[in-house]
């Protein structure tokens, strides 16, 4: 009984309202661009990442627009702590805020990543 299914309409709405670009700006994360591979990379900013150093955090970019479209941390311990490798803006906010997908979606809808 304790398990809840994420509210798909709420998560979908949050995904339409915010991008990974917005999240990187909000959290002050700077990444290096590899345009040949359409990837941004850098140190993992997630609180689940225990070991500093390395370039294990990656965000794929749309080759046509350059917009960030999906993230992952290649560190096994970081991914295991989150129980996932990565995903979209809602999953990123959930990982950064230490909450579930529904709460992250409501934070986004409430203006957490609003452009300033």
PDB file of N, CA and C in Angstrom:
ATOM      1  N   UNK A   1       0.789  -1.206   0.000  1.00  0.00           N
ATOM      2  CA  UNK A   1       0.000   0.000   0.000  1.00  0.00           C
ATOM      3  C   UNK A   1       0.829   1.266   0.000  1.00  0.00           C
ATOM      4  N   UNK A   2       2.046   1.237   0.519  1.00  0.00           N
ATOM      5  CA  UNK A   2       2.875   2.420   0.656  1.00  0.00           C
ATOM      6  C   UNK A   2       3.444   2.944  -0.654  1.00  0.00           C
ATOM      7  N   UNK A   3       3.349   2.193  -1.719  1.00  0.00           N
ATOM      8  CA  UNK A   3       3.914   2.614  -2.997  1.00  0.00           C
ATOM      9  C   UNK A   3       2.900   3.448  -3.773  1.00  0.00           C
ATOM     10  N   UNK A   4       3.363   4.558  -4.326  1.00  0.00           N
ATOM     11  CA  UNK A   4       2.480   5.384  -5.140  1.00  0.00           C
ATOM     12  C   UNK A   4       3.044   5.460  -6.553  1.00  0.00           C
ATOM     13  N   UNK A   5       2.157   5.545  -7.496  1.00  0.00           N
ATOM     14  CA  UNK A   5       2.545   5.695  -8.891  1.00  0.00           C
ATOM     15  C   UNK A   5       2.622   7.183  -9.205  1.00  0.00           C
ATOM     16  N   UNK A   6       3.687   7.635  -9.838  1.00  0.00           N
ATOM     17  CA  UNK A   6       3.772   9.048 -10.193  1.00  0.00           C
ATOM     18  C   UNK A   6       2.582   9.472 -11.050  1.00  0.00           C
ATOM     19  N   UNK A   7       2.133  10.681 -10.834  1.00  0.00           N
ATOM     20  CA  UNK A   7       1.016  11.237 -11.584  1.00  0.00           C
ATOM     21  C   UNK A   7       1.511  11.667 -12.962  1.00  0.00           C
ATOM     22  N   UNK A   8       1.181  10.883 -13.968  1.00  0.00           N
ATOM     23  CA  UNK A   8       1.689  11.118 -15.320  1.00  0.00           C
ATOM     24  C   UNK A   8       1.329  12.508 -15.849  1.00  0.00           C
ATOM     25  N   UNK A   9       0.071  12.990 -15.710  1.00  0.00           N
ATOM     26  CA  UNK A   9      -0.225  14.332 -16.232  1.00  0.00           C
ATOM     27  C   UNK A   9       0.613  15.435 -15.577  1.00  0.00           C
ATOM     28  N   UNK A  10       0.860  15.319 -14.285  1.00  0.00           N
ATOM     29  CA  UNK A  10       1.647  16.333 -13.574  1.00  0.00           C
ATOM     30  C   UNK A  10       3.101  16.302 -14.061  1.00  0.00           C
ATOM     31  N   UNK A  11       3.657  15.135 -14.193  1.00  0.00           N
ATOM     32  CA  UNK A  11       5.039  15.006 -14.660  1.00  0.00           C
ATOM     33  C   UNK A  11       5.155  15.485 -16.108  1.00  0.00           C
ATOM     34  N   UNK A  12       4.176  15.145 -16.938  1.00  0.00           N
ATOM     35  CA  UNK A  12       4.175  15.599 -18.329  1.00  0.00           C
ATOM     36  C   UNK A  12       4.130  17.124 -18.390  1.00  0.00           C
ATOM     37  N   UNK A  13       3.281  17.726 -17.565  1.00  0.00           N
ATOM     38  CA  UNK A  13       3.176  19.193 -17.535  1.00  0.00           C
ATOM     39  C   UNK A  13       4.512  19.817 -17.126  1.00  0.00           C
ATOM     40  N   UNK A  14       5.164  19.248 -16.118  1.00  0.00           N
ATOM     41  CA  UNK A  14       6.460  19.773 -15.660  1.00  0.00           C
ATOM     42  C   UNK A  14       7.502  19.672 -16.760  1.00  0.00           C
ATOM     43  N   UNK A  15       7.500  18.575 -17.499  1.00  0.00           N
ATOM     44  CA  UNK A  15       8.458  18.400 -18.602  1.00  0.00           C
ATOM     45  C   UNK A  15       8.241  19.432 -19.700  1.00  0.00           C
ATOM     46  N   UNK A  16       7.001  19.855 -19.903  1.00  0.00           N
ATOM     47  CA  UNK A  16       6.699  20.867 -20.912  1.00  0.00           C
ATOM     48  C   UNK A  16       7.122  22.262 -20.451  1.00  0.00           C
ATOM     49  N   UNK A  17       7.177  22.467 -19.126  1.00  0.00           N
ATOM     50  CA  UNK A  17       7.462  23.787 -18.571  1.00  0.00           C
ATOM     51  C   UNK A  17       8.945  24.086 -18.401  1.00  0.00           C
ATOM     52  N   UNK A  18       9.759  23.058 -18.245  1.00  0.00           N
ATOM     53  CA  UNK A  18      11.174  23.277 -17.918  1.00  0.00           C
ATOM     54  C   UNK A  18      12.065  22.332 -18.711  1.00  0.00           C
ATOM     55  N   UNK A  19      13.310  22.743 -18.867  1.00  0.00           N
ATOM     56  CA  UNK A  19      14.287  21.939 -19.593  1.00  0.00           C
ATOM     57  C   UNK A  19      15.489  21.660 -18.694  1.00  0.00           C
ATOM     58  N   UNK A  20      16.327  20.762 -19.145  1.00  0.00           N
ATOM     59  CA  UNK A  20      17.580  20.525 -18.422  1.00  0.00           C
ATOM     60  C   UNK A  20      18.456  21.775 -18.446  1.00  0.00           C
ATOM     61  N   UNK A  21      18.374  22.561 -19.507  1.00  0.00           N
ATOM     62  CA  UNK A  21      19.110  23.834 -19.558  1.00  0.00           C
ATOM     63  C   UNK A  21      18.678  24.725 -18.382  1.00  0.00           C
ATOM     64  N   UNK A  22      17.363  24.778 -18.128  1.00  0.00           N
ATOM     65  CA  UNK A  22      16.837  25.555 -17.003  1.00  0.00           C
ATOM     66  C   UNK A  22      17.387  25.033 -15.674  1.00  0.00           C
ATOM     67  N   UNK A  23      17.428  23.711 -15.535  1.00  0.00           N
ATOM     68  CA  UNK A  23      17.915  23.112 -14.291  1.00  0.00           C
ATOM     69  C   UNK A  23      19.394  23.414 -14.066  1.00  0.00           C
ATOM     70  N   UNK A  24      20.199  23.315 -15.124  1.00  0.00           N
ATOM     71  CA  UNK A  24      21.634  23.607 -14.980  1.00  0.00           C
ATOM     72  C   UNK A  24      21.828  25.061 -14.553  1.00  0.00           C
ATOM     73  N   UNK A  25      21.064  25.952 -15.136  1.00  0.00           N
ATOM     74  CA  UNK A  25      21.148  27.374 -14.788  1.00  0.00           C
ATOM     75  C   UNK A  25      20.716  27.597 -13.323  1.00  0.00           C
ATOM     76  N   UNK A  26      19.605  26.983 -12.931  1.00  0.00           N
ATOM     77  CA  UNK A  26      19.079  27.143 -11.572  1.00  0.00           C
ATOM     78  C   UNK A  26      20.075  26.666 -10.517  1.00  0.00           C
ATOM     79  N   UNK A  27      20.678  25.509 -10.745  1.00  0.00           N
ATOM     80  CA  UNK A  27      21.600  24.926  -9.764  1.00  0.00           C
ATOM     81  C   UNK A  27      23.038  25.410  -9.941  1.00  0.00           C
ATOM     82  N   UNK A  28      23.275  26.290 -10.904  1.00  0.00           N
ATOM     83  CA  UNK A  28      24.610  26.849 -11.102  1.00  0.00           C
ATOM     84  C   UNK A  28      25.631  25.844 -11.598  1.00  0.00           C
ATOM     85  N   UNK A  29      25.199  24.921 -12.411  1.00  0.00           N
ATOM     86  CA  UNK A  29      26.071  23.857 -12.908  1.00  0.00           C
ATOM     87  C   UNK A  29      26.637  24.247 -14.274  1.00  0.00           C
ATOM     88  N   UNK A  30      27.950  24.201 -14.381  1.00  0.00           N
ATOM     89  CA  UNK A  30      28.637  24.497 -15.630  1.00  0.00           C
ATOM     90  C   UNK A  30      29.253  23.213 -16.154  1.00  0.00           C
ATOM     91  N   UNK A  31      28.993  22.925 -17.408  1.00  0.00           N
ATOM     92  CA  UNK A  31      29.520  21.721 -18.032  1.00  0.00           C
ATOM     93  C   UNK A  31      30.318  22.077 -19.270  1.00  0.00           C
ATOM     94  N   UNK A  32      31.216  21.190 -19.649  1.00  0.00           N
ATOM     95  CA  UNK A  32      32.014  21.347 -20.857  1.00  0.00           C
ATOM     96  C   UNK A  32      31.250  20.732 -22.021  1.00  0.00           C
ATOM     97  N   UNK A  33      31.341  21.348 -23.174  1.00  0.00           N
ATOM     98  CA  UNK A  33      30.626  20.863 -24.356  1.00  0.00           C
ATOM     99  C   UNK A  33      31.569  20.097 -25.275  1.00  0.00           C
ATOM    100  N   UNK A  34      31.102  18.950 -25.728  1.00  0.00           N
ATOM    101  CA  UNK A  34      31.785  18.195 -26.767  1.00  0.00           C
ATOM    102  C   UNK A  34      30.836  18.185 -27.962  1.00  0.00           C
ATOM    103  N   UNK A  35      30.988  19.148 -28.843  1.00  0.00           N
ATOM    104  CA  UNK A  35      30.049  19.291 -29.957  1.00  0.00           C
ATOM    105  C   UNK A  35      30.131  18.138 -30.953  1.00  0.00           C
ATOM    106  N   UNK A  36      31.291  17.525 -31.070  1.00  0.00           N
ATOM    107  CA  UNK A  36      31.428  16.405 -32.004  1.00  0.00           C
ATOM    108  C   UNK A  36      30.531  15.234 -31.589  1.00  0.00           C
ATOM    109  N   UNK A  37      30.412  15.021 -30.284  1.00  0.00           N
ATOM    110  CA  UNK A  37      29.589  13.911 -29.784  1.00  0.00           C
ATOM    111  C   UNK A  37      28.221  14.372 -29.296  1.00  0.00           C
ATOM    112  N   UNK A  38      27.927  15.673 -29.365  1.00  0.00           N
ATOM    113  CA  UNK A  38      26.671  16.223 -28.871  1.00  0.00           C
ATOM    114  C   UNK A  38      26.436  15.879 -27.407  1.00  0.00           C
ATOM    115  N   UNK A  39      27.466  16.136 -26.594  1.00  0.00           N
ATOM    116  CA  UNK A  39      27.403  15.805 -25.171  1.00  0.00           C
ATOM    117  C   UNK A  39      27.998  16.945 -24.348  1.00  0.00           C
ATOM    118  N   UNK A  40      27.357  17.216 -23.215  1.00  0.00           N
ATOM    119  CA  UNK A  40      27.935  18.094 -22.186  1.00  0.00           C
ATOM    120  C   UNK A  40      28.430  17.163 -21.092  1.00  0.00           C
ATOM    121  N   UNK A  41      29.553  17.505 -20.466  1.00  0.00           N
ATOM    122  CA  UNK A  41      30.040  16.629 -19.397  1.00  0.00           C
ATOM    123  C   UNK A  41      30.737  17.449 -18.322  1.00  0.00           C
ATOM    124  N   UNK A  42      30.858  16.826 -17.139  1.00  0.00           N
ATOM    125  CA  UNK A  42      31.531  17.493 -16.029  1.00  0.00           C
ATOM    126  C   UNK A  42      31.425  16.673 -14.757  1.00  0.00           C
ATOM    127  N   UNK A  43      31.772  17.306 -13.655  1.00  0.00           N
ATOM    128  CA  UNK A  43      31.683  16.652 -12.347  1.00  0.00           C
ATOM    129  C   UNK A  43      30.223  16.462 -11.982  1.00  0.00           C
ATOM    130  N   UNK A  44      29.894  15.351 -11.379  1.00  0.00           N
ATOM    131  CA  UNK A  44      28.512  15.059 -11.013  1.00  0.00           C
ATOM    132  C   UNK A  44      28.073  15.973  -9.863  1.00  0.00           C
ATOM    133  N   UNK A  45      26.980  16.727 -10.045  1.00  0.00           N
ATOM    134  CA  UNK A  45      26.501  17.643  -9.017  1.00  0.00           C
ATOM    135  C   UNK A  45      25.521  16.999  -8.028  1.00  0.00           C
ATOM    136  N   UNK A  46      25.157  15.759  -8.267  1.00  0.00           N
ATOM    137  CA  UNK A  46      24.104  15.131  -7.477  1.00  0.00           C
ATOM    138  C   UNK A  46      24.552  14.823  -6.052  1.00  0.00           C
ATOM    139  N   UNK A  47      23.666  15.006  -5.083  1.00  0.00           N
ATOM    140  CA  UNK A  47      24.019  14.708  -3.697  1.00  0.00           C
ATOM    141  C   UNK A  47      24.305  13.226  -3.460  1.00  0.00           C
ATOM    142  N   UNK A  48      23.861  12.364  -4.344  1.00  0.00           N
ATOM    143  CA  UNK A  48      24.119  10.924  -4.213  1.00  0.00           C
ATOM    144  C   UNK A  48      25.514  10.536  -4.678  1.00  0.00           C
ATOM    145  N   UNK A  49      26.232  11.494  -5.279  1.00  0.00           N
ATOM    146  CA  UNK A  49      27.585  11.213  -5.769  1.00  0.00           C
ATOM    147  C   UNK A  49      28.563  11.383  -4.604  1.00  0.00           C
ATOM    148  N   UNK A  50      29.166  10.289  -4.181  1.00  0.00           N
ATOM    149  CA  UNK A  50      29.990  10.309  -2.967  1.00  0.00           C
ATOM    150  C   UNK A  50      31.448  10.666  -3.208  1.00  0.00           C
ATOM    151  N   UNK A  51      31.966  10.335  -4.372  1.00  0.00           N
ATOM    152  CA  UNK A  51      33.400  10.547  -4.631  1.00  0.00           C
ATOM    153  C   UNK A  51      33.607  11.751  -5.546  1.00  0.00           C
ATOM    154  N   UNK A  52      34.374  12.728  -5.076  1.00  0.00           N
ATOM    155  CA  UNK A  52      34.639  13.887  -5.939  1.00  0.00           C
ATOM    156  C   UNK A  52      35.598  13.529  -7.063  1.00  0.00           C
ATOM    157  N   UNK A  53      35.606  14.375  -8.073  1.00  0.00           N
ATOM    158  CA  UNK A  53      36.534  14.165  -9.182  1.00  0.00           C
ATOM    159  C   UNK A  53      35.889  13.410 -10.317  1.00  0.00           C
ATOM    160  N   UNK A  54      36.625  13.345 -11.407  1.00  0.00           N
ATOM    161  CA  UNK A  54      36.128  12.634 -12.579  1.00  0.00           C
ATOM    162  C   UNK A  54      35.128  13.445 -13.362  1.00  0.00           C
ATOM    163  N   UNK A  55      34.820  12.967 -14.525  1.00  0.00           N
ATOM    164  CA  UNK A  55      33.876  13.613 -15.425  1.00  0.00           C
ATOM    165  C   UNK A  55      32.724  12.645 -15.704  1.00  0.00           C
ATOM    166  N   UNK A  56      32.099  12.134 -14.648  1.00  0.00           N
ATOM    167  CA  UNK A  56      31.106  11.074 -14.813  1.00  0.00           C
ATOM    168  C   UNK A  56      29.714  11.574 -15.174  1.00  0.00           C
ATOM    169  N   UNK A  57      29.455  12.869 -15.073  1.00  0.00           N
ATOM    170  CA  UNK A  57      28.135  13.414 -15.362  1.00  0.00           C
ATOM    171  C   UNK A  57      28.063  13.836 -16.824  1.00  0.00           C
ATOM    172  N   UNK A  58      27.034  13.363 -17.522  1.00  0.00           N
ATOM    173  CA  UNK A  58      26.901  13.663 -18.949  1.00  0.00           C
ATOM    174  C   UNK A  58      25.458  14.024 -19.264  1.00  0.00           C
ATOM    175  N   UNK A  59      25.308  14.957 -20.182  1.00  0.00           N
ATOM    176  CA  UNK A  59      23.995  15.312 -20.706  1.00  0.00           C
ATOM    177  C   UNK A  59      24.075  15.239 -22.226  1.00  0.00           C
ATOM    178  N   UNK A  60      23.161  14.487 -22.798  1.00  0.00           N
ATOM    179  CA  UNK A  60      23.096  14.403 -24.256  1.00  0.00           C
ATOM    180  C   UNK A  60      22.397  15.644 -24.788  1.00  0.00           C
ATOM    181  N   UNK A  61      22.839  16.078 -25.961  1.00  0.00           N
ATOM    182  CA  UNK A  61      22.240  17.249 -26.590  1.00  0.00           C
ATOM    183  C   UNK A  61      21.605  16.863 -27.914  1.00  0.00           C
ATOM    184  N   UNK A  62      20.531  17.543 -28.231  1.00  0.00           N
ATOM    185  CA  UNK A  62      19.897  17.367 -29.527  1.00  0.00           C
ATOM    186  C   UNK A  62      20.873  17.894 -30.582  1.00  0.00           C
ATOM    187  N   UNK A  63      21.266  17.076 -31.558  1.00  0.00           N
ATOM    188  CA  UNK A  63      22.257  17.519 -32.545  1.00  0.00           C
ATOM    189  C   UNK A  63      21.784  18.683 -33.412  1.00  0.00           C
ATOM    190  N   UNK A  64      20.485  18.873 -33.534  1.00  0.00           N
ATOM    191  CA  UNK A  64      19.964  19.964 -34.356  1.00  0.00           C
ATOM    192  C   UNK A  64      19.848  21.286 -33.599  1.00  0.00           C
ATOM    193  N   UNK A  65      19.451  21.200 -32.311  1.00  0.00           N
ATOM    194  CA  UNK A  65      19.199  22.426 -31.550  1.00  0.00           C
ATOM    195  C   UNK A  65      20.260  22.719 -30.496  1.00  0.00           C
ATOM    196  N   UNK A  66      21.012  21.688 -30.082  1.00  0.00           N
ATOM    197  CA  UNK A  66      21.986  21.859 -29.006  1.00  0.00           C
ATOM    198  C   UNK A  66      21.357  21.832 -27.625  1.00  0.00           C
ATOM    199  N   UNK A  67      20.028  21.714 -27.539  1.00  0.00           N
ATOM    200  CA  UNK A  67      19.355  21.676 -26.238  1.00  0.00           C
ATOM    201  C   UNK A  67      19.635  20.357 -25.532  1.00  0.00           C
ATOM    202  N   UNK A  68      19.746  20.448 -24.216  1.00  0.00           N
ATOM    203  CA  UNK A  68      20.001  19.272 -23.394  1.00  0.00           C
ATOM    204  C   UNK A  68      18.744  18.405 -23.345  1.00  0.00           C
ATOM    205  N   UNK A  69      18.903  17.090 -23.588  1.00  0.00           N
ATOM    206  CA  UNK A  69      17.720  16.233 -23.682  1.00  0.00           C
ATOM    207  C   UNK A  69      17.725  15.026 -22.757  1.00  0.00           C
ATOM    208  N   UNK A  70      18.813  14.680 -22.151  1.00  0.00           N
ATOM    209  CA  UNK A  70      18.838  13.531 -21.253  1.00  0.00           C
ATOM    210  C   UNK A  70      20.149  13.470 -20.503  1.00  0.00           C
ATOM    211  N   UNK A  71      20.114  13.124 -19.216  1.00  0.00           N
ATOM    212  CA  UNK A  71      21.326  13.138 -18.391  1.00  0.00           C
ATOM    213  C   UNK A  71      21.585  11.761 -17.805  1.00  0.00           C
ATOM    214  N   UNK A  72      22.836  11.566 -17.390  1.00  0.00           N
ATOM    215  CA  UNK A  72      23.222  10.350 -16.678  1.00  0.00           C
ATOM    216  C   UNK A  72      24.504  10.599 -15.910  1.00  0.00           C
ATOM    217  N   UNK A  73      24.652   9.880 -14.816  1.00  0.00           N
ATOM    218  CA  UNK A  73      25.926   9.831 -14.110  1.00  0.00           C
ATOM    219  C   UNK A  73      26.449   8.424 -14.304  1.00  0.00           C
ATOM    220  N   UNK A  74      27.658   8.316 -14.809  1.00  0.00           N
ATOM    221  CA  UNK A  74      28.231   7.012 -15.122  1.00  0.00           C
ATOM    222  C   UNK A  74      28.827   6.319 -13.905  1.00  0.00           C
ATOM    223  N   UNK A  75      28.804   6.985 -12.745  1.00  0.00           N
ATOM    224  CA  UNK A  75      29.296   6.378 -11.514  1.00  0.00           C
ATOM    225  C   UNK A  75      28.287   5.338 -11.024  1.00  0.00           C
ATOM    226  N   UNK A  76      28.737   4.126 -10.843  1.00  0.00           N
ATOM    227  CA  UNK A  76      27.856   3.043 -10.406  1.00  0.00           C
ATOM    228  C   UNK A  76      27.285   3.342  -9.020  1.00  0.00           C
ATOM    229  N   UNK A  77      28.109   3.823  -8.096  1.00  0.00           N
ATOM    230  CA  UNK A  77      27.620   4.083  -6.742  1.00  0.00           C
ATOM    231  C   UNK A  77      26.581   5.202  -6.726  1.00  0.00           C
ATOM    232  N   UNK A  78      26.761   6.217  -7.547  1.00  0.00           N
ATOM    233  CA  UNK A  78      25.799   7.322  -7.639  1.00  0.00           C
ATOM    234  C   UNK A  78      24.479   6.818  -8.228  1.00  0.00           C
ATOM    235  N   UNK A  79      24.567   6.064  -9.306  1.00  0.00           N
ATOM    236  CA  UNK A  79      23.357   5.519  -9.940  1.00  0.00           C
ATOM    237  C   UNK A  79      22.634   4.564  -9.004  1.00  0.00           C
ATOM    238  N   UNK A  80      23.366   3.729  -8.286  1.00  0.00           N
ATOM    239  CA  UNK A  80      22.749   2.790  -7.356  1.00  0.00           C
ATOM    240  C   UNK A  80      22.052   3.522  -6.210  1.00  0.00           C
ATOM    241  N   UNK A  81      22.647   4.599  -5.720  1.00  0.00           N
ATOM    242  CA  UNK A  81      22.042   5.362  -4.635  1.00  0.00           C
ATOM    243  C   UNK A  81      20.719   5.985  -5.066  1.00  0.00           C
ATOM    244  N   UNK A  82      20.613   6.338  -6.340  1.00  0.00           N
ATOM    245  CA  UNK A  82      19.379   6.926  -6.873  1.00  0.00           C
ATOM    246  C   UNK A  82      18.441   5.865  -7.420  1.00  0.00           C
ATOM    247  N   UNK A  83      18.942   4.668  -7.610  1.00  0.00           N
ATOM    248  CA  UNK A  83      18.212   3.559  -8.236  1.00  0.00           C
ATOM    249  C   UNK A  83      17.897   3.826  -9.708  1.00  0.00           C
ATOM    250  N   UNK A  84      18.718   4.678 -10.327  1.00  0.00           N
ATOM    251  CA  UNK A  84      18.566   4.923 -11.763  1.00  0.00           C
ATOM    252  C   UNK A  84      19.845   5.556 -12.277  1.00  0.00           C
ATOM    253  N   UNK A  85      20.032   5.511 -13.574  1.00  0.00           N
ATOM    254  CA  UNK A  85      21.212   6.112 -14.177  1.00  0.00           C
ATOM    255  C   UNK A  85      20.990   7.582 -14.510  1.00  0.00           C
ATOM    256  N   UNK A  86      19.789   7.934 -14.850  1.00  0.00           N
ATOM    257  CA  UNK A  86      19.473   9.301 -15.229  1.00  0.00           C
ATOM    258  C   UNK A  86      18.162   9.358 -15.976  1.00  0.00           C
ATOM    259  N   UNK A  87      17.856  10.505 -16.538  1.00  0.00           N
ATOM    260  CA  UNK A  87      16.626  10.625 -17.298  1.00  0.00           C
ATOM    261  C   UNK A  87      16.416  12.055 -17.748  1.00  0.00           C
ATOM    262  N   UNK A  88      15.314  12.651 -17.337  1.00  0.00           N
ATOM    263  CA  UNK A  88      14.907  13.965 -17.818  1.00  0.00           C
ATOM    264  C   UNK A  88      14.997  15.020 -16.711  1.00  0.00           C
ATOM    265  N   UNK A  89      14.433  16.191 -16.976  1.00  0.00           N
ATOM    266  CA  UNK A  89      14.504  17.303 -16.026  1.00  0.00           C
ATOM    267  C   UNK A  89      13.791  16.973 -14.715  1.00  0.00           C
ATOM    268  N   UNK A  90      12.679  16.260 -14.763  1.00  0.00           N
ATOM    269  CA  UNK A  90      11.951  15.926 -13.532  1.00  0.00           C
ATOM    270  C   UNK A  90      12.786  14.988 -12.662  1.00  0.00           C
ATOM    271  N   UNK A  91      13.391  13.985 -13.263  1.00  0.00           N
ATOM    272  CA  UNK A  91      14.244  13.061 -12.504  1.00  0.00           C
ATOM    273  C   UNK A  91      15.472  13.780 -11.952  1.00  0.00           C
ATOM    274  N   UNK A  92      16.005  14.753 -12.689  1.00  0.00           N
ATOM    275  CA  UNK A  92      17.161  15.505 -12.212  1.00  0.00           C
ATOM    276  C   UNK A  92      16.788  16.334 -10.982  1.00  0.00           C
ATOM    277  N   UNK A  93      15.663  17.038 -11.039  1.00  0.00           N
ATOM    278  CA  UNK A  93      15.221  17.832  -9.884  1.00  0.00           C
ATOM    279  C   UNK A  93      14.943  16.909  -8.696  1.00  0.00           C
ATOM    280  N   UNK A  94      14.329  15.762  -8.935  1.00  0.00           N
ATOM    281  CA  UNK A  94      14.074  14.805  -7.857  1.00  0.00           C
ATOM    282  C   UNK A  94      15.382  14.375  -7.196  1.00  0.00           C
ATOM    283  N   UNK A  95      16.402  14.100  -8.003  1.00  0.00           N
ATOM    284  CA  UNK A  95      17.703  13.694  -7.457  1.00  0.00           C
ATOM    285  C   UNK A  95      18.358  14.839  -6.678  1.00  0.00           C
ATOM    286  N   UNK A  96      18.291  16.040  -7.207  1.00  0.00           N
ATOM    287  CA  UNK A  96      18.911  17.196  -6.536  1.00  0.00           C
ATOM    288  C   UNK A  96      18.187  17.561  -5.245  1.00  0.00           C
ATOM    289  N   UNK A  97      16.871  17.448  -5.243  1.00  0.00           N
ATOM    290  CA  UNK A  97      16.069  17.848  -4.081  1.00  0.00           C
ATOM    291  C   UNK A  97      15.814  16.702  -3.107  1.00  0.00           C
ATOM    292  N   UNK A  98      16.187  15.480  -3.502  1.00  0.00           N
ATOM    293  CA  UNK A  98      15.979  14.325  -2.625  1.00  0.00           C
ATOM    294  C   UNK A  98      14.509  13.995  -2.428  1.00  0.00           C
ATOM    295  N   UNK A  99      13.735  14.065  -3.508  1.00  0.00           N
ATOM    296  CA  UNK A  99      12.302  13.798  -3.406  1.00  0.00           C
ATOM    297  C   UNK A  99      11.864  12.861  -4.523  1.00  0.00           C
ATOM    298  N   UNK A 100      10.576  12.501  -4.533  1.00  0.00           N
ATOM    299  CA  UNK A 100      10.080  11.630  -5.597  1.00  0.00           C
ATOM    300  C   UNK A 100       9.710  12.457  -6.835  1.00  0.00           C
ATOM    301  N   UNK A 101       9.346  11.760  -7.897  1.00  0.00           N
ATOM    302  CA  UNK A 101       9.058  12.435  -9.169  1.00  0.00           C
ATOM    303  C   UNK A 101       7.860  13.380  -9.075  1.00  0.00           C
ATOM    304  N   UNK A 102       6.821  12.973  -8.354  1.00  0.00           N
ATOM    305  CA  UNK A 102       5.649  13.847  -8.207  1.00  0.00           C
ATOM    306  C   UNK A 102       6.022  15.159  -7.538  1.00  0.00           C
ATOM    307  N   UNK A 103       6.749  15.075  -6.426  1.00  0.00           N
ATOM    308  CA  UNK A 103       7.148  16.289  -5.698  1.00  0.00           C
ATOM    309  C   UNK A 103       8.025  17.164  -6.593  1.00  0.00           C
ATOM    310  N   UNK A 104       8.955  16.551  -7.317  1.00  0.00           N
ATOM    311  CA  UNK A 104       9.818  17.316  -8.230  1.00  0.00           C
ATOM    312  C   UNK A 104       8.984  18.016  -9.300  1.00  0.00           C
ATOM    313  N   UNK A 105       7.983  17.319  -9.836  1.00  0.00           N
ATOM    314  CA  UNK A 105       7.118  17.915 -10.850  1.00  0.00           C
ATOM    315  C   UNK A 105       6.371  19.118 -10.269  1.00  0.00           C
ATOM    316  N   UNK A 106       5.855  18.984  -9.055  1.00  0.00           N
ATOM    317  CA  UNK A 106       5.151  20.101  -8.422  1.00  0.00           C
ATOM    318  C   UNK A 106       6.095  21.267  -8.139  1.00  0.00           C
ATOM    319  N   UNK A 107       7.345  20.971  -7.786  1.00  0.00           N
ATOM    320  CA  UNK A 107       8.324  22.050  -7.581  1.00  0.00           C
ATOM    321  C   UNK A 107       8.561  22.814  -8.885  1.00  0.00           C
ATOM    322  N   UNK A 108       8.678  22.076  -9.984  1.00  0.00           N
ATOM    323  CA  UNK A 108       8.890  22.711 -11.291  1.00  0.00           C
ATOM    324  C   UNK A 108       7.669  23.543 -11.676  1.00  0.00           C
ATOM    325  N   UNK A 109       6.483  22.967 -11.524  1.00  0.00           N
ATOM    326  CA  UNK A 109       5.248  23.683 -11.861  1.00  0.00           C
ATOM    327  C   UNK A 109       5.105  24.931 -10.987  1.00  0.00           C
ATOM    328  N   UNK A 110       5.561  24.832  -9.739  1.00  0.00           N
ATOM    329  CA  UNK A 110       5.489  25.968  -8.812  1.00  0.00           C
ATOM    330  C   UNK A 110       6.518  27.058  -9.076  1.00  0.00           C
ATOM    331  N   UNK A 111       7.397  26.840 -10.041  1.00  0.00           N
ATOM    332  CA  UNK A 111       8.329  27.893 -10.439  1.00  0.00           C
ATOM    333  C   UNK A 111       9.768  27.712  -9.994  1.00  0.00           C
ATOM    334  N   UNK A 112      10.136  26.536  -9.500  1.00  0.00           N
ATOM    335  CA  UNK A 112      11.509  26.302  -9.036  1.00  0.00           C
ATOM    336  C   UNK A 112      12.530  26.662 -10.097  1.00  0.00           C
ATOM    337  N   UNK A 113      12.285  26.296 -11.332  1.00  0.00           N
ATOM    338  CA  UNK A 113      13.253  26.535 -12.409  1.00  0.00           C
ATOM    339  C   UNK A 113      12.887  27.733 -13.277  1.00  0.00           C
ATOM    340  N   UNK A 114      12.040  28.599 -12.764  1.00  0.00           N
ATOM    341  CA  UNK A 114      11.591  29.755 -13.544  1.00  0.00           C
ATOM    342  C   UNK A 114      12.783  30.594 -13.988  1.00  0.00           C
ATOM    343  N   UNK A 115      12.728  31.035 -15.209  1.00  0.00           N
ATOM    344  CA  UNK A 115      13.800  31.886 -15.740  1.00  0.00           C
ATOM    345  C   UNK A 115      13.764  33.238 -15.043  1.00  0.00           C
ATOM    346  N   UNK A 116      14.938  33.703 -14.672  1.00  0.00           N
ATOM    347  CA  UNK A 116      15.009  34.979 -13.930  1.00  0.00           C
ATOM    348  C   UNK A 116      15.411  36.109 -14.816  1.00  0.00           C
TER     349      UNK A 116
END
